[in-house]
Amino acid sequence: MRCDGAPGAPDVRGPARVLFGLGLDPNTADVSALEALPGVGPARAEAIVADRTRGAYRKLADLGRVHGIGPVTLRRAAPWLVFGADERGAGSLTGDGGTHPEAP
């Protein structure tokens, strides 16, 4: 069974996207999905959602504007994030067309 957005693939949403390696878009993910990211608990997940009112996250570094998210959290969460993704997970990990250097 494929979960990569191919025709006929199941629609995987929320925290399950991390489980299946599809990545989360921090612009559209809800609090419970964001909590699945390494280093992001309930308070940070809520802060990410609240900060979206200031503008979209276009690249990994944009998440650094959220209080409590620093370089270590960014590095740990990077392999699980996509920016500008559609519902099926197409997008970039860094927002610049490439993957994060430490992505698996």
N, C-alpha and C. Protein backbone atom coordinates (compact mmCIF):
# COMPACT_ATOMS: atom_id res chain seq x y z
N MET A 1 0.85 -1.17 0.00
CA MET A 1 0.00 0.00 0.00
C MET A 1 0.89 1.24 0.00
N ARG A 2 0.56 2.18 -0.87
CA ARG A 2 1.33 3.42 -0.96
C ARG A 2 0.62 4.53 -0.19
N CYS A 3 1.40 5.37 0.45
CA CYS A 3 0.84 6.50 1.20
C CYS A 3 1.52 7.80 0.78
N ASP A 4 2.02 7.84 -0.45
CA ASP A 4 2.81 8.97 -0.90
C ASP A 4 2.07 9.96 -1.78
N GLY A 5 0.76 9.89 -1.82
CA GLY A 5 0.00 10.82 -2.63
C GLY A 5 -0.27 10.30 -4.03
N ALA A 6 0.14 9.10 -4.32
CA ALA A 6 -0.12 8.52 -5.64
C ALA A 6 -1.62 8.27 -5.78
N PRO A 7 -2.12 8.29 -7.04
CA PRO A 7 -3.54 8.01 -7.22
C PRO A 7 -3.93 6.69 -6.55
N GLY A 8 -5.01 6.74 -5.81
CA GLY A 8 -5.48 5.55 -5.11
C GLY A 8 -4.84 5.34 -3.75
N ALA A 9 -3.84 6.15 -3.41
CA ALA A 9 -3.19 6.03 -2.10
C ALA A 9 -4.13 6.57 -1.03
N PRO A 10 -4.06 6.04 0.18
CA PRO A 10 -4.92 6.55 1.25
C PRO A 10 -4.56 7.98 1.60
N ASP A 11 -5.54 8.73 2.05
CA ASP A 11 -5.34 10.11 2.47
C ASP A 11 -4.85 10.09 3.91
N VAL A 12 -3.59 10.39 4.12
CA VAL A 12 -2.99 10.35 5.45
C VAL A 12 -2.90 11.78 5.98
N ARG A 13 -3.49 12.00 7.16
CA ARG A 13 -3.52 13.34 7.75
C ARG A 13 -3.03 13.30 9.20
N GLY A 14 -2.77 14.48 9.73
CA GLY A 14 -2.42 14.62 11.13
C GLY A 14 -1.10 13.96 11.49
N PRO A 15 -0.96 13.53 12.75
CA PRO A 15 0.29 12.96 13.21
C PRO A 15 0.72 11.72 12.42
N ALA A 16 -0.22 11.03 11.78
CA ALA A 16 0.14 9.84 10.99
C ALA A 16 1.07 10.20 9.84
N ARG A 17 1.05 11.45 9.39
CA ARG A 17 1.94 11.87 8.31
C ARG A 17 3.40 11.68 8.72
N VAL A 18 3.71 11.95 9.99
CA VAL A 18 5.07 11.76 10.48
C VAL A 18 5.39 10.27 10.51
N LEU A 19 4.46 9.47 10.96
CA LEU A 19 4.65 8.03 11.02
C LEU A 19 4.97 7.45 9.64
N PHE A 20 4.28 7.94 8.61
CA PHE A 20 4.50 7.44 7.26
C PHE A 20 5.58 8.21 6.51
N GLY A 21 6.26 9.14 7.17
CA GLY A 21 7.34 9.87 6.55
C GLY A 21 6.91 10.85 5.48
N LEU A 22 5.68 11.33 5.55
CA LEU A 22 5.16 12.24 4.53
C LEU A 22 5.44 13.70 4.83
N GLY A 23 5.72 14.02 6.04
CA GLY A 23 6.01 15.40 6.41
C GLY A 23 4.76 16.19 6.74
N LEU A 24 4.95 17.20 7.56
CA LEU A 24 3.87 18.10 7.97
C LEU A 24 4.17 19.49 7.47
N ASP A 25 3.14 20.17 7.00
CA ASP A 25 3.27 21.57 6.65
C ASP A 25 2.87 22.37 7.89
N PRO A 26 3.79 23.12 8.48
CA PRO A 26 3.45 23.87 9.70
C PRO A 26 2.42 24.96 9.46
N ASN A 27 2.13 25.26 8.21
CA ASN A 27 1.12 26.26 7.88
C ASN A 27 -0.30 25.70 7.96
N THR A 28 -0.44 24.39 7.88
CA THR A 28 -1.77 23.79 7.86
C THR A 28 -1.99 22.74 8.94
N ALA A 29 -0.93 22.25 9.54
CA ALA A 29 -1.05 21.19 10.56
C ALA A 29 -1.71 21.74 11.81
N ASP A 30 -2.50 20.89 12.46
CA ASP A 30 -3.12 21.31 13.71
C ASP A 30 -2.16 21.02 14.88
N VAL A 31 -2.56 21.43 16.06
CA VAL A 31 -1.72 21.31 17.25
C VAL A 31 -1.33 19.85 17.50
N SER A 32 -2.28 18.94 17.42
CA SER A 32 -1.97 17.53 17.72
C SER A 32 -0.97 16.97 16.71
N ALA A 33 -1.05 17.37 15.47
CA ALA A 33 -0.09 16.89 14.47
C ALA A 33 1.29 17.47 14.75
N LEU A 34 1.37 18.73 15.07
CA LEU A 34 2.66 19.37 15.34
C LEU A 34 3.34 18.78 16.57
N GLU A 35 2.55 18.31 17.54
CA GLU A 35 3.13 17.69 18.73
C GLU A 35 3.89 16.41 18.40
N ALA A 36 3.64 15.82 17.25
CA ALA A 36 4.35 14.60 16.84
C ALA A 36 5.78 14.89 16.40
N LEU A 37 6.11 16.14 16.19
CA LEU A 37 7.46 16.49 15.77
C LEU A 37 8.42 16.38 16.95
N PRO A 38 9.65 15.92 16.71
CA PRO A 38 10.64 15.84 17.79
C PRO A 38 10.92 17.23 18.37
N GLY A 39 10.88 17.33 19.68
CA GLY A 39 11.19 18.59 20.35
C GLY A 39 10.03 19.57 20.41
N VAL A 40 8.86 19.17 19.90
CA VAL A 40 7.70 20.06 19.91
C VAL A 40 6.61 19.42 20.77
N GLY A 41 6.37 20.02 21.91
CA GLY A 41 5.31 19.55 22.79
C GLY A 41 4.08 20.41 22.62
N PRO A 42 3.12 20.27 23.53
CA PRO A 42 1.87 21.01 23.41
C PRO A 42 2.04 22.54 23.35
N ALA A 43 2.88 23.09 24.21
CA ALA A 43 3.04 24.55 24.25
C ALA A 43 3.68 25.07 22.97
N ARG A 44 4.72 24.40 22.49
CA ARG A 44 5.36 24.84 21.25
C ARG A 44 4.44 24.66 20.06
N ALA A 45 3.69 23.58 20.04
CA ALA A 45 2.74 23.35 18.93
C ALA A 45 1.70 24.47 18.90
N GLU A 46 1.19 24.84 20.06
CA GLU A 46 0.22 25.94 20.12
C GLU A 46 0.85 27.25 19.69
N ALA A 47 2.11 27.47 20.07
CA ALA A 47 2.81 28.69 19.67
C ALA A 47 3.01 28.74 18.15
N ILE A 48 3.30 27.61 17.53
CA ILE A 48 3.45 27.56 16.07
C ILE A 48 2.14 27.95 15.39
N VAL A 49 1.04 27.37 15.87
CA VAL A 49 -0.27 27.68 15.27
C VAL A 49 -0.60 29.15 15.49
N ALA A 50 -0.38 29.68 16.69
CA ALA A 50 -0.69 31.07 16.99
C ALA A 50 0.15 32.02 16.14
N ASP A 51 1.40 31.68 15.91
CA ASP A 51 2.31 32.56 15.17
C ASP A 51 1.97 32.62 13.67
N ARG A 52 1.19 31.68 13.18
CA ARG A 52 0.83 31.70 11.75
C ARG A 52 0.08 32.97 11.37
N THR A 53 -0.52 33.64 12.34
CA THR A 53 -1.23 34.88 12.04
C THR A 53 -0.27 35.97 11.58
N ARG A 54 1.00 35.84 11.90
CA ARG A 54 2.02 36.81 11.49
C ARG A 54 2.47 36.59 10.06
N GLY A 55 2.10 35.47 9.49
CA GLY A 55 2.51 35.17 8.11
C GLY A 55 2.88 33.71 7.98
N ALA A 56 2.89 33.25 6.75
CA ALA A 56 3.19 31.85 6.46
C ALA A 56 4.65 31.53 6.74
N TYR A 57 4.87 30.27 7.07
CA TYR A 57 6.22 29.75 7.20
C TYR A 57 6.63 29.29 5.80
N ARG A 58 7.59 29.94 5.21
CA ARG A 58 8.01 29.59 3.85
C ARG A 58 9.25 28.71 3.81
N LYS A 59 9.99 28.71 4.91
CA LYS A 59 11.20 27.89 5.01
C LYS A 59 11.45 27.57 6.47
N LEU A 60 12.33 26.62 6.69
CA LEU A 60 12.62 26.14 8.04
C LEU A 60 12.98 27.27 8.99
N ALA A 61 13.81 28.19 8.56
CA ALA A 61 14.26 29.28 9.43
C ALA A 61 13.11 30.14 9.94
N ASP A 62 12.01 30.21 9.20
CA ASP A 62 10.86 31.00 9.63
C ASP A 62 10.27 30.49 10.94
N LEU A 63 10.38 29.21 11.21
CA LEU A 63 9.88 28.67 12.48
C LEU A 63 10.68 29.18 13.67
N GLY A 64 11.89 29.67 13.42
CA GLY A 64 12.72 30.21 14.48
C GLY A 64 12.14 31.45 15.13
N ARG A 65 11.16 32.08 14.47
CA ARG A 65 10.53 33.27 15.06
C ARG A 65 9.57 32.90 16.19
N VAL A 66 9.25 31.63 16.34
CA VAL A 66 8.35 31.16 17.39
C VAL A 66 9.14 31.03 18.69
N HIS A 67 8.62 31.66 19.75
CA HIS A 67 9.29 31.60 21.05
C HIS A 67 9.47 30.14 21.48
N GLY A 68 10.68 29.79 21.88
CA GLY A 68 10.97 28.44 22.36
C GLY A 68 11.50 27.50 21.29
N ILE A 69 11.54 27.96 20.04
CA ILE A 69 12.08 27.11 18.98
C ILE A 69 13.41 27.71 18.53
N GLY A 70 14.46 26.96 18.82
CA GLY A 70 15.80 27.41 18.46
C GLY A 70 16.44 26.45 17.48
N PRO A 71 17.74 26.59 17.29
CA PRO A 71 18.45 25.78 16.29
C PRO A 71 18.35 24.28 16.52
N VAL A 72 18.37 23.85 17.76
CA VAL A 72 18.32 22.41 18.04
C VAL A 72 16.95 21.84 17.65
N THR A 73 15.90 22.52 18.06
CA THR A 73 14.55 22.06 17.70
C THR A 73 14.36 22.08 16.19
N LEU A 74 14.83 23.12 15.54
CA LEU A 74 14.72 23.20 14.07
C LEU A 74 15.44 22.03 13.42
N ARG A 75 16.63 21.74 13.87
CA ARG A 75 17.41 20.63 13.29
C ARG A 75 16.70 19.29 13.51
N ARG A 76 16.13 19.09 14.68
CA ARG A 76 15.46 17.81 14.98
C ARG A 76 14.16 17.66 14.20
N ALA A 77 13.43 18.74 14.01
CA ALA A 77 12.13 18.67 13.34
C ALA A 77 12.24 18.73 11.81
N ALA A 78 13.34 19.24 11.30
CA ALA A 78 13.49 19.48 9.85
C ALA A 78 13.16 18.29 8.96
N PRO A 79 13.60 17.08 9.28
CA PRO A 79 13.29 15.97 8.38
C PRO A 79 11.81 15.65 8.26
N TRP A 80 11.01 16.18 9.16
CA TRP A 80 9.58 15.85 9.18
C TRP A 80 8.70 16.98 8.68
N LEU A 81 9.30 18.06 8.19
CA LEU A 81 8.55 19.22 7.76
C LEU A 81 8.58 19.40 6.25
N VAL A 82 7.50 19.93 5.73
CA VAL A 82 7.43 20.37 4.33
C VAL A 82 6.81 21.76 4.33
N PHE A 83 7.19 22.56 3.36
CA PHE A 83 6.68 23.93 3.28
C PHE A 83 6.02 24.12 1.92
N GLY A 84 4.83 24.70 1.95
CA GLY A 84 4.11 24.90 0.71
C GLY A 84 3.59 23.60 0.13
N ALA A 85 3.29 22.62 1.00
CA ALA A 85 2.85 21.30 0.55
C ALA A 85 1.38 21.32 0.20
N ASP A 86 1.02 20.44 -0.73
CA ASP A 86 -0.39 20.22 -0.96
C ASP A 86 -0.85 19.16 0.04
N GLU A 87 -2.09 18.77 -0.02
CA GLU A 87 -2.63 17.81 0.95
C GLU A 87 -1.95 16.45 0.88
N ARG A 88 -1.28 16.15 -0.21
CA ARG A 88 -0.66 14.83 -0.35
C ARG A 88 0.82 14.85 0.02
N GLY A 89 1.35 15.99 0.44
CA GLY A 89 2.70 16.02 0.96
C GLY A 89 3.77 16.45 -0.02
N ALA A 90 3.41 16.90 -1.23
CA ALA A 90 4.43 17.38 -2.15
C ALA A 90 4.92 18.72 -1.62
N GLY A 91 6.20 18.88 -1.56
CA GLY A 91 6.76 20.13 -1.06
C GLY A 91 8.21 19.94 -0.74
N SER A 92 8.78 20.94 -0.17
CA SER A 92 10.20 20.93 0.13
C SER A 92 10.40 20.97 1.63
N LEU A 93 11.40 20.28 2.09
CA LEU A 93 11.71 20.30 3.52
C LEU A 93 12.22 21.66 3.96
N THR A 94 12.98 22.32 3.11
CA THR A 94 13.57 23.58 3.52
C THR A 94 12.89 24.78 2.92
N GLY A 95 12.02 24.59 1.94
CA GLY A 95 11.37 25.69 1.28
C GLY A 95 12.19 26.25 0.15
N ASP A 96 13.37 25.71 -0.09
CA ASP A 96 14.21 26.21 -1.17
C ASP A 96 14.42 25.18 -2.27
N GLY A 97 13.57 24.16 -2.28
CA GLY A 97 13.67 23.16 -3.32
C GLY A 97 14.56 21.98 -2.97
N GLY A 98 15.24 22.05 -1.84
CA GLY A 98 16.14 20.97 -1.46
C GLY A 98 15.75 20.38 -0.14
N THR A 99 16.46 19.37 0.29
CA THR A 99 16.19 18.78 1.58
C THR A 99 17.14 19.33 2.61
N HIS A 100 16.75 19.22 3.83
CA HIS A 100 17.61 19.65 4.93
C HIS A 100 18.85 18.76 4.93
N PRO A 101 20.03 19.33 5.16
CA PRO A 101 21.25 18.53 5.10
C PRO A 101 21.29 17.35 6.06
N GLU A 102 20.50 17.41 7.13
CA GLU A 102 20.52 16.30 8.08
C GLU A 102 19.29 15.42 7.96
N ALA A 103 18.55 15.57 6.88
CA ALA A 103 17.37 14.74 6.68
C ALA A 103 17.79 13.29 6.45
N PRO A 104 16.98 12.35 6.94
CA PRO A 104 17.36 10.93 6.76
C PRO A 104 17.26 10.50 5.32
